[in-house]
Amino acid sequence: MEPLTLKLYTKPDCPLCDDAKDLLNAVAADSQIQIEEIDITSNLGLFTKYKDTIPVLEMNGKRMFEHRIDVRVLKRKLKWRRLYRKFVESL
């Protein structure tokens, strides 16, 4: 099964973004996830959309967290998503 890809919207000089990256890297060490980091300052549309809410974490186009990531909730959502994928693939 291929790893889940999570999108993390960030910008430079953002302490909350740095915290989110550290947390996600720790979770990635124990889980099969890939983190795609997207710098919102490289795109005016993304900057306008996310400037007040970063860091933002999305999975499958759905927003999971803004500002801070709750590790327990993230792990629970990742576990559910893996089980769901396994079930769908077995059909």
C-alpha atoms as a PDB file:
ATOM      1  CA  MET A   1       0.000   0.000   0.000  1.00  0.00           C
ATOM      2  CA  GLU A   2       1.429   3.369  -0.981  1.00  0.00           C
ATOM      3  CA  PRO A   3       1.866   6.017   1.705  1.00  0.00           C
ATOM      4  CA  LEU A   4      -0.787   8.641   2.394  1.00  0.00           C
ATOM      5  CA  THR A   5       0.144  12.105   1.191  1.00  0.00           C
ATOM      6  CA  LEU A   6      -0.586  15.064   3.437  1.00  0.00           C
ATOM      7  CA  LYS A   7      -0.299  18.657   2.232  1.00  0.00           C
ATOM      8  CA  LEU A   8       1.136  21.173   4.667  1.00  0.00           C
ATOM      9  CA  TYR A   9       0.648  24.815   3.715  1.00  0.00           C
ATOM     10  CA  THR A  10       3.369  26.962   5.299  1.00  0.00           C
ATOM     11  CA  LYS A  11       5.435  30.105   4.864  1.00  0.00           C
ATOM     12  CA  PRO A  12       8.953  31.121   5.868  1.00  0.00           C
ATOM     13  CA  ASP A  13       9.604  32.577   9.325  1.00  0.00           C
ATOM     14  CA  CYS A  14       6.537  30.918  10.835  1.00  0.00           C
ATOM     15  CA  PRO A  15       7.143  29.316  14.266  1.00  0.00           C
ATOM     16  CA  LEU A  16       3.830  27.433  14.186  1.00  0.00           C
ATOM     17  CA  CYS A  17       4.800  26.034  10.776  1.00  0.00           C
ATOM     18  CA  ASP A  18       8.148  24.873  12.158  1.00  0.00           C
ATOM     19  CA  ASP A  19       6.356  23.155  15.057  1.00  0.00           C
ATOM     20  CA  ALA A  20       3.955  21.472  12.625  1.00  0.00           C
ATOM     21  CA  LYS A  21       6.834  20.224  10.437  1.00  0.00           C
ATOM     22  CA  ASP A  22       8.655  18.764  13.440  1.00  0.00           C
ATOM     23  CA  LEU A  23       5.507  17.042  14.646  1.00  0.00           C
ATOM     24  CA  LEU A  24       4.694  15.635  11.198  1.00  0.00           C
ATOM     25  CA  ASN A  25       8.238  14.356  10.726  1.00  0.00           C
ATOM     26  CA  ALA A  26       7.957  12.515  14.046  1.00  0.00           C
ATOM     27  CA  VAL A  27       4.607  11.000  13.012  1.00  0.00           C
ATOM     28  CA  ALA A  28       5.989  10.098   9.572  1.00  0.00           C
ATOM     29  CA  ALA A  29       8.743   8.078  11.224  1.00  0.00           C
ATOM     30  CA  ASP A  30       6.067   5.786  12.700  1.00  0.00           C
ATOM     31  CA  SER A  31       3.496   5.905   9.884  1.00  0.00           C
ATOM     32  CA  GLN A  32       3.409   5.506   6.153  1.00  0.00           C
ATOM     33  CA  ILE A  33       2.832   9.131   5.236  1.00  0.00           C
ATOM     34  CA  GLN A  34       4.449  11.575   2.882  1.00  0.00           C
ATOM     35  CA  ILE A  35       4.365  15.271   3.600  1.00  0.00           C
ATOM     36  CA  GLU A  36       4.122  17.697   0.704  1.00  0.00           C
ATOM     37  CA  GLU A  37       5.128  21.121   1.989  1.00  0.00           C
ATOM     38  CA  ILE A  38       3.660  24.029   0.053  1.00  0.00           C
ATOM     39  CA  ASP A  39       5.009  27.549   0.529  1.00  0.00           C
ATOM     40  CA  ILE A  40       2.039  29.899   0.226  1.00  0.00           C
ATOM     41  CA  THR A  41       4.276  32.886  -0.545  1.00  0.00           C
ATOM     42  CA  SER A  42       5.035  31.430  -3.986  1.00  0.00           C
ATOM     43  CA  ASN A  43       1.411  31.770  -5.141  1.00  0.00           C
ATOM     44  CA  LEU A  44      -0.791  34.835  -4.598  1.00  0.00           C
ATOM     45  CA  GLY A  45      -3.978  32.745  -4.604  1.00  0.00           C
ATOM     46  CA  LEU A  46      -2.654  30.394  -1.917  1.00  0.00           C
ATOM     47  CA  PHE A  47      -1.310  33.318   0.103  1.00  0.00           C
ATOM     48  CA  THR A  48      -4.693  35.053   0.032  1.00  0.00           C
ATOM     49  CA  LYS A  49      -6.485  31.839   0.990  1.00  0.00           C
ATOM     50  CA  TYR A  50      -4.182  30.663   3.800  1.00  0.00           C
ATOM     51  CA  LYS A  51      -2.352  33.771   5.109  1.00  0.00           C
ATOM     52  CA  ASP A  52      -4.332  33.931   8.368  1.00  0.00           C
ATOM     53  CA  THR A  53      -4.662  30.202   9.015  1.00  0.00           C
ATOM     54  CA  ILE A  54      -1.249  28.621   8.436  1.00  0.00           C
ATOM     55  CA  PRO A  55      -0.039  26.100   9.037  1.00  0.00           C
ATOM     56  CA  VAL A  56      -2.854  24.193   7.367  1.00  0.00           C
ATOM     57  CA  LEU A  57      -2.774  20.400   7.001  1.00  0.00           C
ATOM     58  CA  GLU A  58      -4.910  18.704   4.351  1.00  0.00           C
ATOM     59  CA  MET A  59      -5.547  15.091   3.402  1.00  0.00           C
ATOM     60  CA  ASN A  60      -7.346  14.271   0.160  1.00  0.00           C
ATOM     61  CA  GLY A  61      -8.242  17.933  -0.315  1.00  0.00           C
ATOM     62  CA  LYS A  62      -9.952  18.180   3.071  1.00  0.00           C
ATOM     63  CA  ARG A  63      -8.665  20.479   5.767  1.00  0.00           C
ATOM     64  CA  MET A  64      -7.663  18.527   8.853  1.00  0.00           C
ATOM     65  CA  PHE A  65      -5.977  21.169  11.013  1.00  0.00           C
ATOM     66  CA  GLU A  66      -5.280  24.898  11.152  1.00  0.00           C
ATOM     67  CA  HIS A  67      -2.695  26.642  13.338  1.00  0.00           C
ATOM     68  CA  ARG A  68      -1.890  23.615  15.532  1.00  0.00           C
ATOM     69  CA  ILE A  69      -1.944  19.869  14.957  1.00  0.00           C
ATOM     70  CA  ASP A  70      -3.358  17.543  17.599  1.00  0.00           C
ATOM     71  CA  VAL A  71      -1.145  14.435  17.406  1.00  0.00           C
ATOM     72  CA  ARG A  72      -3.706  12.054  18.904  1.00  0.00           C
ATOM     73  CA  VAL A  73      -6.414  13.194  16.502  1.00  0.00           C
ATOM     74  CA  LEU A  74      -4.002  13.024  13.555  1.00  0.00           C
ATOM     75  CA  LYS A  75      -2.933   9.473  14.404  1.00  0.00           C
ATOM     76  CA  ARG A  76      -6.564   8.408  14.783  1.00  0.00           C
ATOM     77  CA  LYS A  77      -7.489   9.926  11.395  1.00  0.00           C
ATOM     78  CA  LEU A  78      -4.491   8.298   9.718  1.00  0.00           C
ATOM     79  CA  LYS A  79      -5.366   4.925  11.203  1.00  0.00           C
ATOM     80  CA  TRP A  80      -8.982   5.234  10.059  1.00  0.00           C
ATOM     81  CA  ARG A  81      -7.857   6.268   6.565  1.00  0.00           C
ATOM     82  CA  ARG A  82      -5.495   3.284   6.266  1.00  0.00           C
ATOM     83  CA  LEU A  83      -8.266   0.899   7.367  1.00  0.00           C
ATOM     84  CA  TYR A  84     -10.661   2.479   4.898  1.00  0.00           C
ATOM     85  CA  ARG A  85      -8.149   2.152   2.044  1.00  0.00           C
ATOM     86  CA  LYS A  86      -7.454  -1.461   2.943  1.00  0.00           C
ATOM     87  CA  PHE A  87     -11.199  -2.222   2.964  1.00  0.00           C
ATOM     88  CA  VAL A  88     -11.819  -0.514  -0.386  1.00  0.00           C
ATOM     89  CA  GLU A  89      -8.859  -2.297  -1.994  1.00  0.00           C
ATOM     90  CA  SER A  90     -10.186  -5.658  -0.813  1.00  0.00           C
ATOM     91  CA  LEU A  91     -13.503  -5.206  -2.633  1.00  0.00           C
END
